[in-house]
C-alpha atoms as a PDB file:
ATOM      1  CA  MET A   1      29.064  46.790  28.318  1.00  0.00           C
ATOM      2  CA  SER A   2      26.275  45.430  26.132  1.00  0.00           C
ATOM      3  CA  ASP A   3      26.388  45.722  22.375  1.00  0.00           C
ATOM      4  CA  SER A   4      24.172  48.621  21.333  1.00  0.00           C
ATOM      5  CA  ARG A   5      23.222  46.868  18.083  1.00  0.00           C
ATOM      6  CA  THR A   6      22.152  43.727  19.932  1.00  0.00           C
ATOM      7  CA  ASP A   7      20.118  45.792  22.348  1.00  0.00           C
ATOM      8  CA  ALA A   8      18.459  47.591  19.466  1.00  0.00           C
ATOM      9  CA  ASP A   9      17.722  44.297  17.720  1.00  0.00           C
ATOM     10  CA  GLU A  10      16.136  42.873  20.844  1.00  0.00           C
ATOM     11  CA  LEU A  11      14.045  45.998  21.308  1.00  0.00           C
ATOM     12  CA  SER A  12      12.899  46.013  17.684  1.00  0.00           C
ATOM     13  CA  GLY A  13      12.365  42.259  17.488  1.00  0.00           C
ATOM     14  CA  ASP A  14      14.888  41.818  14.665  1.00  0.00           C
ATOM     15  CA  ALA A  15      16.786  39.125  16.546  1.00  0.00           C
ATOM     16  CA  GLY A  16      13.614  37.137  17.019  1.00  0.00           C
ATOM     17  CA  LYS A  17      12.824  37.435  13.335  1.00  0.00           C
ATOM     18  CA  ARG A  18      16.329  36.231  12.465  1.00  0.00           C
ATOM     19  CA  ARG A  19      15.948  33.228  14.751  1.00  0.00           C
ATOM     20  CA  HIS A  20      12.586  32.443  13.162  1.00  0.00           C
ATOM     21  CA  ARG A  21      14.103  32.637   9.663  1.00  0.00           C
ATOM     22  CA  ALA A  22      16.958  30.354  10.737  1.00  0.00           C
ATOM     23  CA  ALA A  23      14.458  27.843  12.121  1.00  0.00           C
ATOM     24  CA  GLU A  24      12.540  27.904   8.833  1.00  0.00           C
ATOM     25  CA  ARG A  25      15.715  27.127   6.902  1.00  0.00           C
ATOM     26  CA  ASN A  26      16.257  24.028   9.066  1.00  0.00           C
ATOM     27  CA  THR A  27      12.656  22.822   8.846  1.00  0.00           C
ATOM     28  CA  PRO A  28      11.401  20.593   6.007  1.00  0.00           C
ATOM     29  CA  GLY A  29       9.135  22.717   3.849  1.00  0.00           C
ATOM     30  CA  ARG A  30      10.616  25.817   5.522  1.00  0.00           C
ATOM     31  CA  GLY A  31       7.900  25.619   8.156  1.00  0.00           C
ATOM     32  CA  ILE A  32       5.176  26.333   5.613  1.00  0.00           C
ATOM     33  CA  THR A  33       2.008  24.215   5.541  1.00  0.00           C
ATOM     34  CA  PRO A  34       1.741  22.856   1.978  1.00  0.00           C
ATOM     35  CA  ALA A  35      -1.379  23.419  -0.075  1.00  0.00           C
ATOM     36  CA  GLU A  36      -2.981  20.731  -2.193  1.00  0.00           C
ATOM     37  CA  ARG A  37      -2.496  20.850  -5.949  1.00  0.00           C
ATOM     38  CA  PRO A  38      -4.511  19.391  -8.818  1.00  0.00           C
ATOM     39  CA  ILE A  39      -3.547  15.799  -9.602  1.00  0.00           C
ATOM     40  CA  GLU A  40      -1.924  15.530 -13.015  1.00  0.00           C
ATOM     41  CA  PRO A  41      -0.650  12.276 -14.595  1.00  0.00           C
ATOM     42  CA  ALA A  42       3.039  11.889 -13.803  1.00  0.00           C
ATOM     43  CA  ALA A  43       5.731   9.229 -13.579  1.00  0.00           C
ATOM     44  CA  PRO A  44       7.758   8.294 -10.491  1.00  0.00           C
ATOM     45  CA  GLU A  45      11.500   8.804 -10.575  1.00  0.00           C
ATOM     46  CA  GLU A  46      12.516   6.215  -7.969  1.00  0.00           C
ATOM     47  CA  PHE A  47       9.960   3.395  -8.015  1.00  0.00           C
ATOM     48  CA  GLY A  48      10.995  -0.219  -8.410  1.00  0.00           C
ATOM     49  CA  LEU A  49      11.313  -1.707  -4.920  1.00  0.00           C
ATOM     50  CA  VAL A  50       9.638  -4.779  -3.469  1.00  0.00           C
ATOM     51  CA  GLN A  51       7.818  -4.244  -0.165  1.00  0.00           C
ATOM     52  CA  VAL A  52       6.529  -6.973   2.140  1.00  0.00           C
ATOM     53  CA  TRP A  53       4.064  -6.324   4.995  1.00  0.00           C
ATOM     54  CA  TRP A  54       3.258  -9.320   7.195  1.00  0.00           C
ATOM     55  CA  GLY A  55       2.391 -10.145  10.815  1.00  0.00           C
ATOM     56  CA  ASP A  56      -0.446 -10.868  13.206  1.00  0.00           C
ATOM     57  CA  GLY A  57      -1.259  -7.198  13.814  1.00  0.00           C
ATOM     58  CA  LYS A  58      -3.910  -5.025  12.224  1.00  0.00           C
ATOM     59  CA  GLY A  59      -2.809  -2.538   9.551  1.00  0.00           C
ATOM     60  CA  LYS A  60      -1.092  -4.350   6.676  1.00  0.00           C
ATOM     61  CA  THR A  61      -3.748  -3.655   4.063  1.00  0.00           C
ATOM     62  CA  THR A  62      -4.317  -0.228   5.594  1.00  0.00           C
ATOM     63  CA  ALA A  63      -0.646   0.642   5.120  1.00  0.00           C
ATOM     64  CA  ALA A  64      -0.726  -0.515   1.511  1.00  0.00           C
ATOM     65  CA  LEU A  65      -3.854   1.537   0.819  1.00  0.00           C
ATOM     66  CA  GLY A  66      -2.159   4.578   2.329  1.00  0.00           C
ATOM     67  CA  MET A  67       0.799   4.160  -0.003  1.00  0.00           C
ATOM     68  CA  GLY A  68      -1.582   3.821  -2.911  1.00  0.00           C
ATOM     69  CA  ALA A  69      -3.382   7.031  -1.983  1.00  0.00           C
ATOM     70  CA  ARG A  70      -0.065   8.852  -1.611  1.00  0.00           C
ATOM     71  CA  ALA A  71       1.110   7.631  -5.023  1.00  0.00           C
ATOM     72  CA  VAL A  72      -2.035   8.668  -6.891  1.00  0.00           C
ATOM     73  CA  GLY A  73      -1.769  12.032  -5.161  1.00  0.00           C
ATOM     74  CA  HIS A  74       1.414  12.522  -7.163  1.00  0.00           C
ATOM     75  CA  GLY A  75      -0.295  11.420 -10.371  1.00  0.00           C
ATOM     76  CA  TYR A  76       1.022   7.846 -10.511  1.00  0.00           C
ATOM     77  CA  ARG A  77      -1.066   4.869 -11.655  1.00  0.00           C
ATOM     78  CA  VAL A  78      -1.907   2.353  -8.902  1.00  0.00           C
ATOM     79  CA  HIS A  79      -3.780  -0.954  -8.885  1.00  0.00           C
ATOM     80  CA  MET A  80      -4.685  -3.289  -6.015  1.00  0.00           C
ATOM     81  CA  LEU A  81      -5.415  -6.992  -6.499  1.00  0.00           C
ATOM     82  CA  GLN A  82      -6.874  -8.659  -3.393  1.00  0.00           C
ATOM     83  CA  PHE A  83      -6.459 -12.392  -2.875  1.00  0.00           C
ATOM     84  CA  MET A  84      -8.229 -13.212   0.374  1.00  0.00           C
ATOM     85  CA  LYS A  85     -10.651 -10.457   1.361  1.00  0.00           C
ATOM     86  CA  GLY A  86     -13.657 -12.480   2.317  1.00  0.00           C
ATOM     87  CA  GLY A  87     -14.558 -12.537   5.974  1.00  0.00           C
ATOM     88  CA  ALA A  88     -17.300 -12.925   8.505  1.00  0.00           C
ATOM     89  CA  ASP A  89     -20.983 -12.239   7.959  1.00  0.00           C
ATOM     90  CA  SER A  90     -20.541  -8.953   9.822  1.00  0.00           C
ATOM     91  CA  VAL A  91     -18.516  -7.543   6.922  1.00  0.00           C
ATOM     92  CA  GLU A  92     -20.369  -5.984   4.006  1.00  0.00           C
ATOM     93  CA  ALA A  93     -19.472  -6.922   0.446  1.00  0.00           C
ATOM     94  CA  VAL A  94     -18.637  -3.298  -0.406  1.00  0.00           C
ATOM     95  CA  ARG A  95     -15.896  -1.986   1.858  1.00  0.00           C
ATOM     96  CA  GLY A  96     -15.151   1.644   2.550  1.00  0.00           C
ATOM     97  CA  GLU A  97     -11.820   1.456   0.741  1.00  0.00           C
ATOM     98  CA  TYR A  98     -13.539   0.426  -2.491  1.00  0.00           C
ATOM     99  CA  ASN A  99     -15.677   3.547  -2.455  1.00  0.00           C
ATOM    100  CA  ALA A 100     -12.644   5.693  -1.657  1.00  0.00           C
ATOM    101  CA  ILE A 101     -10.544   4.109  -4.404  1.00  0.00           C
ATOM    102  CA  ALA A 102     -13.328   4.724  -6.925  1.00  0.00           C
ATOM    103  CA  ALA A 103     -13.135   8.437  -6.084  1.00  0.00           C
ATOM    104  CA  LEU A 104      -9.358   8.659  -6.595  1.00  0.00           C
ATOM    105  CA  PRO A 105      -8.082   9.213 -10.146  1.00  0.00           C
ATOM    106  CA  GLY A 106      -5.536   6.602 -11.124  1.00  0.00           C
ATOM    107  CA  PHE A 107      -6.397   4.089  -8.365  1.00  0.00           C
ATOM    108  CA  SER A 108      -8.222   0.869  -9.269  1.00  0.00           C
ATOM    109  CA  TYR A 109      -8.838  -2.495  -7.608  1.00  0.00           C
ATOM    110  CA  GLU A 110     -10.153  -5.972  -8.155  1.00  0.00           C
ATOM    111  CA  ASN A 111     -10.908  -8.838  -5.819  1.00  0.00           C
ATOM    112  CA  THR A 112     -10.520 -12.555  -6.483  1.00  0.00           C
ATOM    113  CA  GLY A 113     -11.309 -13.549  -2.936  1.00  0.00           C
ATOM    114  CA  HIS A 114     -14.816 -12.673  -1.754  1.00  0.00           C
ATOM    115  CA  TYR A 115     -15.363 -16.258  -0.765  1.00  0.00           C
ATOM    116  CA  GLY A 116     -14.960 -16.405   3.000  1.00  0.00           C
ATOM    117  CA  TRP A 117     -11.775 -17.305   4.886  1.00  0.00           C
ATOM    118  CA  HIS A 118      -9.768 -20.449   4.259  1.00  0.00           C
ATOM    119  CA  GLY A 119      -9.789 -22.854   7.196  1.00  0.00           C
ATOM    120  CA  MET A 120     -12.815 -21.223   8.825  1.00  0.00           C
ATOM    121  CA  ALA A 121     -16.242 -22.778   9.409  1.00  0.00           C
ATOM    122  CA  ASP A 122     -17.967 -20.184   7.260  1.00  0.00           C
ATOM    123  CA  GLY A 123     -19.624 -22.442   4.725  1.00  0.00           C
ATOM    124  CA  SER A 124     -17.038 -21.862   1.992  1.00  0.00           C
ATOM    125  CA  ALA A 125     -15.512 -24.835   0.158  1.00  0.00           C
ATOM    126  CA  GLU A 126     -11.773 -25.407   0.475  1.00  0.00           C
ATOM    127  CA  ALA A 127     -11.530 -26.234  -3.233  1.00  0.00           C
ATOM    128  CA  ASP A 128     -12.986 -22.819  -4.022  1.00  0.00           C
ATOM    129  CA  HIS A 129     -10.279 -21.151  -1.956  1.00  0.00           C
ATOM    130  CA  GLU A 130      -7.491 -22.843  -3.874  1.00  0.00           C
ATOM    131  CA  ARG A 131      -9.094 -22.254  -7.265  1.00  0.00           C
ATOM    132  CA  ASN A 132      -9.621 -18.564  -6.577  1.00  0.00           C
ATOM    133  CA  ALA A 133      -6.140 -18.116  -5.135  1.00  0.00           C
ATOM    134  CA  GLN A 134      -4.629 -19.724  -8.227  1.00  0.00           C
ATOM    135  CA  ALA A 135      -6.743 -17.412 -10.386  1.00  0.00           C
ATOM    136  CA  GLY A 136      -5.391 -14.473  -8.396  1.00  0.00           C
ATOM    137  CA  LEU A 137      -1.829 -15.651  -8.962  1.00  0.00           C
ATOM    138  CA  GLU A 138      -2.390 -15.899 -12.696  1.00  0.00           C
ATOM    139  CA  ARG A 139      -3.967 -12.455 -12.735  1.00  0.00           C
ATOM    140  CA  ALA A 140      -0.989 -11.070 -10.804  1.00  0.00           C
ATOM    141  CA  ARG A 141       1.343 -12.490 -13.458  1.00  0.00           C
ATOM    142  CA  GLU A 142      -0.697 -10.772 -16.160  1.00  0.00           C
ATOM    143  CA  LEU A 143      -0.475  -7.428 -14.369  1.00  0.00           C
ATOM    144  CA  VAL A 144       3.253  -7.715 -13.702  1.00  0.00           C
ATOM    145  CA  ASP A 145       3.924  -8.681 -17.320  1.00  0.00           C
ATOM    146  CA  ALA A 146       1.726  -5.832 -18.561  1.00  0.00           C
ATOM    147  CA  ALA A 147       3.810  -3.390 -16.524  1.00  0.00           C
ATOM    148  CA  GLY A 148       6.908  -4.896 -18.136  1.00  0.00           C
ATOM    149  CA  GLU A 149       5.577  -3.994 -21.547  1.00  0.00           C
ATOM    150  CA  ARG A 150       5.064  -0.376 -20.500  1.00  0.00           C
ATOM    151  CA  THR A 151       7.561   2.463 -20.282  1.00  0.00           C
ATOM    152  CA  LEU A 152       7.147   3.166 -16.582  1.00  0.00           C
ATOM    153  CA  ASP A 153       9.171   6.365 -16.561  1.00  0.00           C
ATOM    154  CA  GLU A 154       6.308   8.044 -18.416  1.00  0.00           C
ATOM    155  CA  PRO A 155       2.854   9.131 -17.158  1.00  0.00           C
ATOM    156  CA  ILE A 156       0.005   6.639 -17.502  1.00  0.00           C
ATOM    157  CA  ASP A 157      -3.566   7.677 -18.216  1.00  0.00           C
ATOM    158  CA  PRO A 158      -5.413   7.384 -14.877  1.00  0.00           C
ATOM    159  CA  GLU A 159      -8.472   6.055 -16.701  1.00  0.00           C
ATOM    160  CA  SER A 160      -6.553   3.301 -18.503  1.00  0.00           C
ATOM    161  CA  PRO A 161      -7.119  -0.317 -17.442  1.00  0.00           C
ATOM    162  CA  PRO A 162      -4.376  -1.986 -15.365  1.00  0.00           C
ATOM    163  CA  GLU A 163      -3.621  -4.180 -18.372  1.00  0.00           C
ATOM    164  CA  ASP A 164      -2.021  -1.059 -19.869  1.00  0.00           C
ATOM    165  CA  GLY A 165       0.503  -0.986 -17.035  1.00  0.00           C
ATOM    166  CA  VAL A 166       0.724   0.596 -13.582  1.00  0.00           C
ATOM    167  CA  HIS A 167       3.466   2.228 -11.526  1.00  0.00           C
ATOM    168  CA  LEU A 168       2.491   0.621  -8.198  1.00  0.00           C
ATOM    169  CA  LEU A 169       0.915  -2.822  -7.842  1.00  0.00           C
ATOM    170  CA  ILE A 170      -0.477  -3.975  -4.489  1.00  0.00           C
ATOM    171  CA  LEU A 171      -1.019  -7.727  -4.097  1.00  0.00           C
ATOM    172  CA  ASP A 172      -3.069  -7.768  -0.941  1.00  0.00           C
ATOM    173  CA  GLU A 173      -3.135 -10.994   1.130  1.00  0.00           C
ATOM    174  CA  ILE A 174      -0.947 -12.878  -1.354  1.00  0.00           C
ATOM    175  CA  ILE A 175       1.330 -13.907   1.518  1.00  0.00           C
ATOM    176  CA  TYR A 176      -1.677 -15.190   3.452  1.00  0.00           C
ATOM    177  CA  ALA A 177      -2.576 -17.343   0.448  1.00  0.00           C
ATOM    178  CA  ALA A 178       0.983 -18.707   0.365  1.00  0.00           C
ATOM    179  CA  ASN A 179       0.956 -19.351   4.134  1.00  0.00           C
ATOM    180  CA  ARG A 180      -2.202 -21.400   3.642  1.00  0.00           C
ATOM    181  CA  ASP A 181      -0.614 -23.426   0.799  1.00  0.00           C
ATOM    182  CA  LEU A 182      -3.242 -22.145  -1.604  1.00  0.00           C
ATOM    183  CA  ILE A 183      -0.401 -20.970  -3.818  1.00  0.00           C
ATOM    184  CA  ASP A 184       3.231 -22.099  -3.821  1.00  0.00           C
ATOM    185  CA  PRO A 185       5.732 -19.711  -2.206  1.00  0.00           C
ATOM    186  CA  GLU A 186       8.026 -20.463  -5.139  1.00  0.00           C
ATOM    187  CA  ASP A 187       5.391 -18.983  -7.425  1.00  0.00           C
ATOM    188  CA  VAL A 188       5.463 -15.818  -5.327  1.00  0.00           C
ATOM    189  CA  ARG A 189       9.251 -15.701  -5.717  1.00  0.00           C
ATOM    190  CA  ASP A 190       8.857 -16.181  -9.466  1.00  0.00           C
ATOM    191  CA  LEU A 191       6.338 -13.335  -9.554  1.00  0.00           C
ATOM    192  CA  VAL A 192       8.802 -11.008  -7.835  1.00  0.00           C
ATOM    193  CA  GLY A 193      11.588 -12.155 -10.142  1.00  0.00           C
ATOM    194  CA  ARG A 194       9.647 -11.273 -13.278  1.00  0.00           C
ATOM    195  CA  LYS A 195       8.851  -7.763 -12.020  1.00  0.00           C
ATOM    196  CA  PRO A 196      10.110  -4.975 -14.337  1.00  0.00           C
ATOM    197  CA  ALA A 197      12.675  -2.613 -12.861  1.00  0.00           C
ATOM    198  CA  GLY A 198      10.367   0.400 -12.599  1.00  0.00           C
ATOM    199  CA  LEU A 199       7.378  -1.308 -10.959  1.00  0.00           C
ATOM    200  CA  GLU A 200       6.891  -0.805  -7.213  1.00  0.00           C
ATOM    201  CA  LEU A 201       5.471  -4.081  -5.878  1.00  0.00           C
ATOM    202  CA  VAL A 202       3.757  -4.353  -2.485  1.00  0.00           C
ATOM    203  CA  LEU A 203       2.923  -7.766  -1.013  1.00  0.00           C
ATOM    204  CA  THR A 204       0.813  -8.060   2.138  1.00  0.00           C
ATOM    205  CA  GLY A 205      -0.720 -10.633   4.452  1.00  0.00           C
ATOM    206  CA  GLY A 206      -0.026 -13.638   6.596  1.00  0.00           C
ATOM    207  CA  HIS A 207       0.860 -14.313  10.212  1.00  0.00           C
ATOM    208  CA  GLU A 208       3.884 -16.462   9.351  1.00  0.00           C
ATOM    209  CA  GLU A 209       7.165 -14.845   8.365  1.00  0.00           C
ATOM    210  CA  PRO A 210       7.735 -15.128   4.579  1.00  0.00           C
ATOM    211  CA  SER A 211      11.421 -16.023   4.896  1.00  0.00           C
ATOM    212  CA  TYR A 212      11.358 -17.146   1.269  1.00  0.00           C
ATOM    213  CA  LEU A 213      11.257 -13.462   0.284  1.00  0.00           C
ATOM    214  CA  HIS A 214      14.141 -12.225   2.432  1.00  0.00           C
ATOM    215  CA  ASP A 215      16.641 -12.211  -0.430  1.00  0.00           C
ATOM    216  CA  LEU A 216      14.224 -10.588  -2.910  1.00  0.00           C
ATOM    217  CA  ALA A 217      12.471  -7.877  -0.922  1.00  0.00           C
ATOM    218  CA  ASP A 218      13.871  -4.398  -0.332  1.00  0.00           C
ATOM    219  CA  LEU A 219      11.558  -3.654   2.611  1.00  0.00           C
ATOM    220  CA  ILE A 220      10.056  -6.152   5.046  1.00  0.00           C
ATOM    221  CA  THR A 221       7.812  -4.901   7.832  1.00  0.00           C
ATOM    222  CA  GLU A 222       6.332  -7.081  10.549  1.00  0.00           C
ATOM    223  CA  VAL A 223       3.071  -5.686  11.897  1.00  0.00           C
ATOM    224  CA  ALA A 224       2.906  -7.205  15.377  1.00  0.00           C
ATOM    225  CA  LYS A 225      -0.181  -7.439  17.550  1.00  0.00           C
ATOM    226  CA  VAL A 226       0.203  -6.139  21.093  1.00  0.00           C
ATOM    227  CA  LYS A 227      -3.520  -5.957  21.817  1.00  0.00           C
ATOM    228  CA  HIS A 228      -6.566  -6.344  19.583  1.00  0.00           C
ATOM    229  CA  PRO A 229     -10.259  -5.819  20.448  1.00  0.00           C
ATOM    230  CA  ILE A 230     -11.206  -8.974  18.529  1.00  0.00           C
ATOM    231  CA  ASP A 231      -9.681 -10.981  21.394  1.00  0.00           C
ATOM    232  CA  ALA A 232     -12.309  -9.448  23.690  1.00  0.00           C
ATOM    233  CA  GLY A 233     -15.133 -10.358  21.306  1.00  0.00           C
ATOM    234  CA  GLN A 234     -15.320  -7.117  19.306  1.00  0.00           C
ATOM    235  CA  ARG A 235     -16.617  -7.738  15.806  1.00  0.00           C
ATOM    236  CA  ALA A 236     -15.258  -5.961  12.732  1.00  0.00           C
ATOM    237  CA  ARG A 237     -16.407  -2.330  12.740  1.00  0.00           C
ATOM    238  CA  LYS A 238     -17.599  -0.397   9.712  1.00  0.00           C
ATOM    239  CA  GLY A 239     -15.154   2.396   8.948  1.00  0.00           C
ATOM    240  CA  THR A 240     -12.148   0.838  10.692  1.00  0.00           C
ATOM    241  CA  GLU A 241     -11.972  -2.834   9.633  1.00  0.00           C
ATOM    242  CA  TYR A 242     -14.052  -2.538   6.449  1.00  0.00           C
END
């Protein structure tokens, strides 16, 4: 004999509602689509790791930019220093990410490397590559030390310069510069070693594994190429590569 209460529940739809409520309890966010909120200056509670993104695949800088956007969405202060973003004549000087960063409160950037690509027949002088890479390294030291002088468990004015400290520092293509012997890998290790405890540091670039960072990094991701349109002659495309 069937249970009269169960039958009644099925007829009324109560059982289905109970199952739906149970599913919500076991779903992150209780199955509710979150709404955006105004961005207010805030401080991260668990920052302080060292991340390394390297490999011959596309997406290392893109991943770092995504983390930066996510961080500023929570009100944290982010800065990106680019070492090697030059490139072919098909790439415009102003990239899409620069315009997007300028529109995000608390996200800033600077570039020490709009000078072509090292080792390429693009008309750029090799001495310029090394000089600019060394300048980028010195600037990175300044930014890391500035963060060390800041209380990073407190909000930072999104309009303040990076010299006043940041919560997340992206050093884009620094590993590429080290792979090319434009800067010494030991200097990269020293940079990581002088990082204050609360600063999240993201290092990207290079096709050669940065084994010299294995003992210092908390996260190492290899971005591997399986297939890339550049191998078929596709030039960099506006909106995807720059």
